[in-house]
Structures are given as structure tokens and as C-alpha cells.
Amino acid sequence: MKRTFKLAVVAAILLIAFTPLSSASANSAPPPSEYWFTFDFQNSAPSSIDKFTLIFCSDNECTHSAEITQIPNSTDMPYENRLYCYDDWCKWSMFTPIEYGSSVDLPGFQGYPEKLFFKANIQFSDGERTSAIFDGIPARMGDEAHFKIIVDDQTLLLSIDEDFSSPILTTTAYPYFLSLLVEPIFFALLVWLWLRPKFRETLSSYGMSLIANLISWPMVWSFFPSIALYHYKRDVIFGPVILLIGMAFSFLMIAPINGTKTDRTILRILAFILLPVACFLSFGLVYGSTQSEIVNGGLPVPLAFALIEISAVLYEGTFVYFLSDKKIPWRQAMAVSLLTNAASFGLGFVFL
């Protein structure tokens, strides 16, 4: 009876993990281009942006032109053509004139060029300014470009932003691989120094830490950006879904099923089979949706980052404690997890 009940719990958790938290419509159209604009206000305090117009030109004399005007943070914009501005930066997700409605009638835009001439006209709270014609905005769907706009009293100066850093809380693969490289080795070394286990048990502690990091890093780094300041609306779905998938995987790995060793082995094999499938389906569901706008609300980034680190320490220590059948005491597991995460954090500052 107990075995049947626990297996039912596993099935229920997996069902929840596969269930989206809100509905999302499929995006069958090509993805929009994303343009970032970072402002450098030279002679005054930052001014609010009331209206942003991109003027696309067929050549460096703007013989033919097409204008797309948006009001920042408006809710009634055309499909996937949204402008978000906060403080000293803007992000515009949009279809370029080549693919965007009435603009295709302009003869100068025939031929589908990879780059377009353009200039920016921006209505600030203290006046309107227009830049010179700039060559270089990507015209292909799904491209991303970063521009710096220097603002003085009367004009705008456009340039490519070579040192662009997204204000949204994001991650890359490099910190993940660093944590997988450093933390399991450091964890096994500390366990050996602290508990003096046999070589086989030390090697086992390395494997348990590796598995814990494989799941904890994407789990917590997917969830907490969804509650941090400046995040994508789709993260509100994606983060909790990945968190539930990670918890379901963890349950399958450490579930104390009353039965033979074979039962636990089967559950762990099932966990490793279902994990990539669930993640792939969830990623396709959420990132195939249209919810790509930025949400300006949530916890400050330092607080969200602190919660990420605390949660990683708690999860990895608890996971190894149960996965080792409590052979590694809980206090030692937590202490070693804290030290390994601190080491990985410090090395990240040095090498990344």
C-alpha cells in the first residue's frame, strides 16, 4: 500500500511538472528583431521618453523611408512590435519594414538587404531630437543589435554599443560549466578531508555533487529571474515550470521507496529519461509563445541573486544528504555545499 501511494505521488508531481501555469499561444510567425538602445545623457539629468520613432532609409540620403513610431510601455501595440523604456535604456522588439505591413510597398526596400540605413527621432520630456542617418540596423528577422545614443541639448549621436550589458537578470553557459567543473571536485575533496571515507565513497560524493549541480543551477537560475526586477513576462511561466520539473526529478532520485534496490534504480533511470523530455517540451511551450515583453517589477537584483545562492546551497546539501542514504551527515553536507558554492562564486569573479 505504501509503495502504491508513493508511486502515485510521483505520478502526480510529474503531471504538475508537465502542466503549464498559464495558457500560451503558439508563435508560428518569424521571430521579431530585438534592438537595444542605451542612452548617455551628456548635459542634463536623464529625461523620460514620450515617443520613439525609427526612420528606415533605403540609402544614405534617405531617398525612400518608412517610419515606425511607438509610445514606450504601451499595451495596445501591433503583434510583437513593442517598445520598453526604463531609466536610461530601451528595448524594441519589432518586425522590420521589409516584413512589416504597409512598408513593403516602398520600392527602395526591395531585395531584402541584410542591413538598413536608419535614423532615430525621439520625443523626450524636455524636447525632440533627431540623429543623423546611421548604416547598420539588421534587417533579418530574429536579429539583435545594440546601440548607444549620446544625448545632448539638441541632437542624438548614434553608435554601436561595443560594451553592451543587458540590464535584465540573465545567465550564460560559462558560469554553468564553471560550477560543474569546480564544485563537484571541491565537494569530494572537502568530504574526504572532513569524513575520511574510502576512495569509492569519495568518488561517489563527487558523482552526487555533479548530479546536484546539473539540476540545481538551471532550476534556481530559471526561477528567481522570474521574480527579479526587469525580467521577461515569459519567465513568469518558464521559471516555476522548470522549478517543478527539477523538484520532480529530485523526488525520483531520492524517494525512499519501500522495496528492493532495483526499485530505486528504475526510478532513477526514469528520472534521467523524463528530465530532458520535460525540459524540452517546457522550453518549446514557453519560448514559442508571444510573451516576450519586459516586466518592470519584482525584487531588486542583489536580493534575487542572494536568494539564488542560498537556495542552491540548501538544495545541493539536502539532495546529497538524501542521495547518500544519510551517510554524509546533514550538517556536513550543508557546510560543504556552502563552501563549494563560495569557491565557485569567487572563481566566477576571477575568470568570468
Protein backbone atom coordinates (compact mmCIF):
# COMPACT_ATOMS: atom_id res chain seq x y z
CA MET A 1 0.00 0.00 0.00
CA LYS A 2 2.77 2.44 0.93
CA ARG A 3 4.62 1.68 -2.26
CA THR A 4 1.50 2.27 -4.37
CA PHE A 5 0.79 5.56 -2.57
CA LYS A 6 4.31 6.88 -3.09
CA LEU A 7 4.32 5.93 -6.73
CA ALA A 8 1.01 7.80 -7.08
CA VAL A 9 2.64 10.87 -5.51
CA VAL A 10 5.48 10.63 -8.03
CA ALA A 11 2.98 10.45 -10.88
CA ALA A 12 1.09 13.48 -9.53
CA ILE A 13 4.26 15.57 -9.24
CA LEU A 14 5.28 14.66 -12.79
CA LEU A 15 1.82 15.61 -14.01
CA ILE A 16 2.13 19.01 -12.35
CA ALA A 17 5.59 19.47 -13.84
CA PHE A 18 4.23 18.94 -17.34
CA THR A 19 1.29 21.33 -16.81
CA PRO A 20 1.86 24.98 -17.89
CA LEU A 21 0.95 27.59 -15.32
CA SER A 22 -0.93 29.71 -17.83
CA SER A 23 -2.08 29.45 -21.38
CA ALA A 24 0.24 30.46 -24.20
CA SER A 25 -0.50 30.81 -27.88
CA ALA A 26 1.90 29.40 -30.43
CA ASN A 27 4.04 31.81 -32.39
CA SER A 28 4.10 30.49 -35.95
CA ALA A 29 5.39 33.74 -37.45
CA PRO A 30 9.11 34.57 -37.76
CA PRO A 31 10.60 36.00 -34.55
CA PRO A 32 10.92 39.78 -34.25
CA SER A 33 14.22 41.60 -34.27
CA GLU A 34 15.39 43.00 -30.94
CA TYR A 35 17.09 46.38 -30.75
CA TRP A 36 18.63 47.71 -27.54
CA PHE A 37 19.27 51.44 -27.07
CA THR A 38 21.39 52.66 -24.16
CA PHE A 39 21.31 56.41 -23.53
CA ASP A 40 24.17 58.60 -22.37
CA PHE A 41 22.80 61.99 -21.28
CA GLN A 42 25.66 64.47 -21.61
CA ASN A 43 24.41 67.81 -20.35
CA SER A 44 21.44 67.05 -18.14
CA ALA A 45 19.76 64.51 -15.95
CA PRO A 46 18.03 61.62 -17.78
CA SER A 47 14.81 62.72 -19.48
CA SER A 48 11.79 60.48 -19.84
CA ILE A 49 10.96 59.24 -23.34
CA ASP A 50 7.49 60.16 -24.58
CA LYS A 51 7.68 58.85 -28.15
CA PHE A 52 10.28 56.88 -30.12
CA THR A 53 10.36 56.88 -33.95
CA LEU A 54 12.70 54.79 -36.10
CA ILE A 55 13.02 56.14 -39.65
CA PHE A 56 14.28 53.45 -42.02
CA CYS A 57 16.01 54.66 -45.17
CA SER A 58 16.75 52.95 -48.47
CA ASP A 59 20.13 54.69 -48.80
CA ASN A 60 22.42 57.16 -47.03
CA GLU A 61 20.34 60.07 -48.37
CA CYS A 62 17.03 58.55 -47.28
CA THR A 63 15.58 58.58 -50.82
CA HIS A 64 12.85 56.22 -49.64
CA SER A 65 11.87 55.97 -45.99
CA ALA A 66 9.50 54.20 -43.65
CA GLU A 67 8.65 55.32 -40.15
CA ILE A 68 7.58 53.21 -37.19
CA THR A 69 6.55 55.15 -34.11
CA GLN A 70 5.85 53.70 -30.69
CA ILE A 71 4.99 55.06 -27.29
CA PRO A 72 7.07 53.33 -24.56
CA ASN A 73 5.37 50.64 -22.49
CA SER A 74 2.07 50.90 -24.38
CA THR A 75 -0.26 47.90 -24.11
CA ASP A 76 -2.12 48.29 -27.42
CA MET A 77 0.70 47.74 -29.90
CA PRO A 78 0.78 45.61 -33.05
CA TYR A 79 1.75 41.97 -32.69
CA GLU A 80 5.31 41.60 -31.36
CA ASN A 81 6.11 45.26 -32.01
CA ARG A 82 6.74 46.57 -28.53
CA LEU A 83 8.95 49.25 -27.04
CA TYR A 84 10.00 49.23 -23.38
CA CYS A 85 11.99 52.05 -21.82
CA TYR A 86 13.27 52.27 -18.25
CA ASP A 87 15.70 54.84 -16.86
CA ASP A 88 18.50 55.10 -19.45
CA TRP A 89 17.72 52.23 -21.83
CA CYS A 90 15.07 50.98 -24.26
CA LYS A 91 14.38 47.60 -25.83
CA TRP A 92 12.34 47.39 -29.04
CA SER A 93 11.05 44.02 -30.23
CA MET A 94 9.70 44.57 -33.71
CA PHE A 95 9.24 43.44 -37.28
CA THR A 96 11.41 45.45 -39.64
CA PRO A 97 9.85 47.41 -42.53
CA ILE A 98 10.72 44.66 -45.02
CA GLU A 99 8.27 42.31 -43.34
CA TYR A 100 6.03 44.82 -41.62
CA GLY A 101 2.69 45.63 -43.26
CA SER A 102 2.47 48.76 -45.44
CA SER A 103 6.22 49.36 -45.58
CA VAL A 104 6.74 46.60 -48.17
CA ASP A 105 5.24 48.90 -50.84
CA LEU A 106 8.30 51.17 -50.77
CA PRO A 107 10.40 50.41 -53.89
CA GLY A 108 13.68 51.26 -52.22
CA PHE A 109 13.33 48.35 -49.81
CA GLN A 110 13.06 45.65 -52.46
CA GLY A 111 15.76 42.97 -52.46
CA TYR A 112 15.73 42.12 -48.75
CA PRO A 113 19.03 43.72 -47.66
CA GLU A 114 20.76 42.42 -44.54
CA LYS A 115 21.35 45.95 -43.18
CA LEU A 116 19.27 49.12 -43.32
CA PHE A 117 20.06 52.81 -43.06
CA PHE A 118 18.07 54.44 -40.31
CA LYS A 119 17.83 57.43 -38.01
CA ALA A 120 16.10 57.93 -34.70
CA ASN A 121 13.68 60.65 -33.74
CA ILE A 122 12.88 60.73 -30.03
CA GLN A 123 10.46 62.96 -28.16
CA PHE A 124 11.94 63.47 -24.69
CA SER A 125 10.18 65.23 -21.85
CA ASP A 126 12.43 68.25 -22.47
CA GLY A 127 12.21 68.33 -26.28
CA GLU A 128 12.56 66.43 -29.55
CA ARG A 129 15.87 65.30 -31.03
CA THR A 130 16.81 63.58 -34.29
CA SER A 131 20.01 61.70 -35.14
CA ALA A 132 21.94 61.64 -38.38
CA ILE A 133 21.45 58.70 -40.78
CA PHE A 134 23.20 55.59 -39.49
CA ASP A 135 24.08 52.49 -41.50
CA GLY A 136 23.79 49.21 -39.74
CA ILE A 137 20.46 48.15 -38.25
CA PRO A 138 19.87 44.44 -39.00
CA ALA A 139 17.00 43.76 -41.39
CA ARG A 140 16.68 39.98 -40.96
CA MET A 141 14.04 38.56 -38.65
CA GLY A 142 15.32 37.48 -35.26
CA ASP A 143 18.49 39.62 -35.36
CA GLU A 144 19.66 41.53 -32.30
CA ALA A 145 21.60 44.80 -32.24
CA HIS A 146 22.89 47.09 -29.50
CA PHE A 147 23.17 50.85 -29.96
CA LYS A 148 24.44 53.65 -27.78
CA ILE A 149 22.74 57.03 -28.09
CA ILE A 150 24.60 60.09 -26.80
CA VAL A 151 22.08 62.81 -25.98
CA ASP A 152 22.99 66.48 -25.70
CA ASP A 153 20.75 69.55 -25.60
CA GLN A 154 19.71 69.40 -29.27
CA THR A 155 20.93 66.24 -31.04
CA LEU A 156 21.36 62.49 -30.82
CA LEU A 157 24.59 60.69 -31.72
CA LEU A 158 24.17 57.03 -32.68
CA SER A 159 26.87 54.37 -32.45
CA ILE A 160 27.24 50.64 -31.95
CA ASP A 161 27.38 49.75 -28.26
CA GLU A 162 30.52 47.60 -28.04
CA ASP A 163 30.27 47.21 -24.25
CA PHE A 164 26.59 46.31 -24.08
CA SER A 165 25.45 44.55 -20.93
CA SER A 166 21.80 43.57 -20.60
CA PRO A 167 20.04 45.22 -17.64
CA ILE A 168 17.85 42.11 -17.38
CA LEU A 169 18.97 39.38 -14.99
CA THR A 170 20.34 36.77 -17.43
CA THR A 171 22.87 33.95 -17.41
CA THR A 172 25.14 32.22 -19.91
CA ALA A 173 26.57 28.74 -20.24
CA TYR A 174 30.00 29.74 -18.92
CA PRO A 175 29.06 30.04 -15.22
CA TYR A 176 27.18 26.74 -15.51
CA PHE A 177 30.19 24.87 -16.88
CA LEU A 178 32.44 26.51 -14.29
CA SER A 179 30.17 25.29 -11.48
CA LEU A 180 30.12 21.77 -12.96
CA LEU A 181 33.89 21.79 -13.20
CA VAL A 182 34.72 23.25 -9.81
CA GLU A 183 32.01 22.36 -7.30
CA PRO A 184 31.93 18.52 -7.56
CA ILE A 185 35.72 18.28 -7.26
CA PHE A 186 35.80 20.69 -4.34
CA PHE A 187 32.85 18.92 -2.72
CA ALA A 188 34.53 15.49 -2.92
CA LEU A 189 37.80 16.92 -1.60
CA LEU A 190 36.10 18.50 1.42
CA VAL A 191 34.14 15.33 2.16
CA TRP A 192 37.39 13.35 2.08
CA LEU A 193 39.17 15.84 4.36
CA TRP A 194 36.24 16.00 6.79
CA LEU A 195 34.98 12.42 6.96
CA ARG A 196 37.93 10.42 5.60
CA PRO A 197 35.76 7.97 3.62
CA LYS A 198 37.09 5.23 1.36
CA PHE A 199 38.08 6.10 -2.19
CA ARG A 200 34.88 4.60 -3.62
CA GLU A 201 32.73 6.69 -1.27
CA THR A 202 34.75 9.82 -2.09
CA LEU A 203 34.20 9.18 -5.79
CA SER A 204 30.51 8.64 -5.06
CA SER A 205 30.32 12.04 -3.33
CA TYR A 206 31.78 13.61 -6.48
CA GLY A 207 29.05 12.00 -8.59
CA MET A 208 26.29 13.10 -6.20
CA SER A 209 27.54 16.68 -6.21
CA LEU A 210 27.75 16.62 -10.00
CA ILE A 211 24.13 15.49 -10.29
CA ALA A 212 23.04 18.09 -7.73
CA ASN A 213 24.73 20.87 -9.73
CA LEU A 214 23.37 19.60 -13.04
CA ILE A 215 19.84 20.17 -11.77
CA SER A 216 20.15 22.93 -9.16
CA TRP A 217 21.88 25.55 -11.32
CA PRO A 218 19.30 25.69 -14.14
CA MET A 219 16.47 25.21 -11.66
CA VAL A 220 17.21 28.16 -9.37
CA TRP A 221 18.58 30.41 -12.13
CA SER A 222 15.40 29.84 -14.15
CA PHE A 223 13.05 30.50 -11.24
CA PHE A 224 14.47 33.54 -9.45
CA PRO A 225 14.86 35.76 -12.54
CA SER A 226 11.07 35.44 -12.84
CA ILE A 227 10.66 37.40 -9.60
CA ALA A 228 13.57 39.81 -10.09
CA LEU A 229 13.41 43.39 -11.31
CA TYR A 230 13.44 43.63 -15.13
CA HIS A 231 12.56 40.21 -16.49
CA TYR A 232 10.66 38.80 -19.41
CA LYS A 233 6.99 38.07 -18.91
CA ARG A 234 7.52 34.55 -20.25
CA ASP A 235 9.91 33.91 -17.33
CA VAL A 236 6.88 34.06 -15.02
CA ILE A 237 5.80 30.80 -16.68
CA PHE A 238 9.17 29.28 -17.52
CA GLY A 239 10.77 29.72 -14.08
CA PRO A 240 8.12 27.92 -11.99
CA VAL A 241 7.75 25.16 -14.61
CA ILE A 242 11.48 24.42 -14.54
CA LEU A 243 11.41 24.54 -10.74
CA LEU A 244 8.63 21.93 -10.65
CA ILE A 245 10.47 19.73 -13.14
CA GLY A 246 13.61 19.94 -11.01
CA MET A 247 11.71 19.04 -7.85
CA ALA A 248 10.02 16.07 -9.60
CA PHE A 249 13.43 14.86 -10.80
CA SER A 250 14.87 15.24 -7.30
CA PHE A 251 11.97 13.29 -5.79
CA LEU A 252 12.53 10.41 -8.19
CA MET A 253 16.23 10.38 -7.31
CA ILE A 254 15.86 10.35 -3.52
CA ALA A 255 12.35 8.89 -2.94
CA PRO A 256 12.56 6.36 -0.05
CA ILE A 257 10.52 3.62 -1.77
CA ASN A 258 9.88 0.55 0.41
CA GLY A 259 11.25 -2.15 -1.85
CA THR A 260 14.39 -3.57 -3.37
CA LYS A 261 17.40 -1.71 -4.67
CA THR A 262 16.05 -2.43 -8.15
CA ASP A 263 13.01 -0.24 -7.47
CA ARG A 264 15.16 2.79 -6.72
CA THR A 265 17.36 2.10 -9.75
CA ILE A 266 14.30 2.01 -12.01
CA LEU A 267 13.04 5.31 -10.60
CA ARG A 268 16.41 6.99 -11.14
CA ILE A 269 16.60 5.75 -14.72
CA LEU A 270 13.08 7.09 -15.24
CA ALA A 271 14.17 10.44 -13.79
CA PHE A 272 17.04 10.79 -16.29
CA ILE A 273 14.75 9.79 -19.17
CA LEU A 274 11.97 12.23 -18.29
CA LEU A 275 14.18 15.20 -17.36
CA PRO A 276 15.39 16.22 -20.85
CA VAL A 277 11.99 15.48 -22.38
CA ALA A 278 10.17 17.65 -19.83
CA CYS A 279 12.68 20.50 -20.19
CA PHE A 280 12.48 20.38 -23.99
CA LEU A 281 8.68 20.48 -24.01
CA SER A 282 8.57 23.31 -21.46
CA PHE A 283 11.18 25.33 -23.33
CA GLY A 284 9.28 24.91 -26.59
CA LEU A 285 5.98 25.83 -24.92
CA VAL A 286 7.18 29.00 -23.23
CA TYR A 287 9.68 30.34 -25.78
CA GLY A 288 7.30 29.56 -28.60
CA SER A 289 4.78 31.88 -27.00
CA THR A 290 4.32 35.59 -27.65
CA GLN A 291 5.03 36.67 -24.08
CA SER A 292 8.44 38.25 -24.62
CA GLU A 293 7.81 41.71 -23.20
CA ILE A 294 9.76 43.04 -20.24
CA VAL A 295 8.18 43.34 -16.82
CA ASN A 296 9.42 46.22 -14.69
CA GLY A 297 8.68 44.85 -11.23
CA GLY A 298 9.97 42.40 -8.69
CA LEU A 299 12.78 42.01 -6.21
CA PRO A 300 15.98 44.05 -6.54
CA VAL A 301 18.64 42.11 -8.43
CA PRO A 302 21.06 41.82 -5.44
CA LEU A 303 18.28 40.31 -3.31
CA ALA A 304 17.25 37.91 -6.08
CA PHE A 305 20.90 36.93 -6.53
CA ALA A 306 21.27 36.28 -2.79
CA LEU A 307 18.17 34.06 -2.84
CA ILE A 308 19.65 32.14 -5.77
CA GLU A 309 22.84 31.38 -3.86
CA ILE A 310 21.03 30.48 -0.62
CA SER A 311 18.62 28.19 -2.44
CA ALA A 312 21.46 26.48 -4.31
CA VAL A 313 23.30 25.76 -1.05
CA LEU A 314 20.17 24.40 0.65
CA TYR A 315 19.13 22.30 -2.31
CA GLU A 316 22.54 20.77 -3.04
CA GLY A 317 23.23 19.97 0.62
CA THR A 318 19.82 18.35 1.13
CA PHE A 319 19.99 16.46 -2.17
CA VAL A 320 23.41 14.93 -1.39
CA TYR A 321 22.29 14.12 2.16
CA PHE A 322 19.36 12.01 0.96
CA LEU A 323 21.09 10.62 -2.13
CA SER A 324 23.91 9.27 0.04
CA ASP A 325 21.32 7.49 2.21
CA LYS A 326 22.32 9.88 5.00
CA LYS A 327 25.91 8.55 5.06
CA ILE A 328 27.03 12.15 4.72
CA PRO A 329 25.54 13.89 7.80
CA TRP A 330 23.18 16.77 7.11
CA ARG A 331 25.33 19.42 8.84
CA GLN A 332 28.44 18.34 6.96
CA ALA A 333 26.51 18.23 3.68
CA MET A 334 25.27 21.79 4.22
CA ALA A 335 28.67 23.08 5.31
CA VAL A 336 30.43 21.51 2.33
CA SER A 337 27.73 22.81 -0.03
CA LEU A 338 28.20 26.32 1.36
CA LEU A 339 31.98 26.18 0.90
CA THR A 340 31.79 24.76 -2.63
CA ASN A 341 29.32 27.42 -3.75
CA ALA A 342 31.51 30.11 -2.19
CA ALA A 343 34.51 28.75 -4.09
CA SER A 344 32.59 28.67 -7.36
CA PHE A 345 31.30 32.20 -6.75
CA GLY A 346 34.81 33.50 -6.10
CA LEU A 347 36.29 31.80 -9.15
CA GLY A 348 33.47 33.22 -11.24
CA PHE A 349 34.59 36.75 -10.35
CA VAL A 350 38.17 35.88 -11.30
CA PHE A 351 37.63 34.04 -14.60
CA LEU A 352 34.27 35.44 -15.79
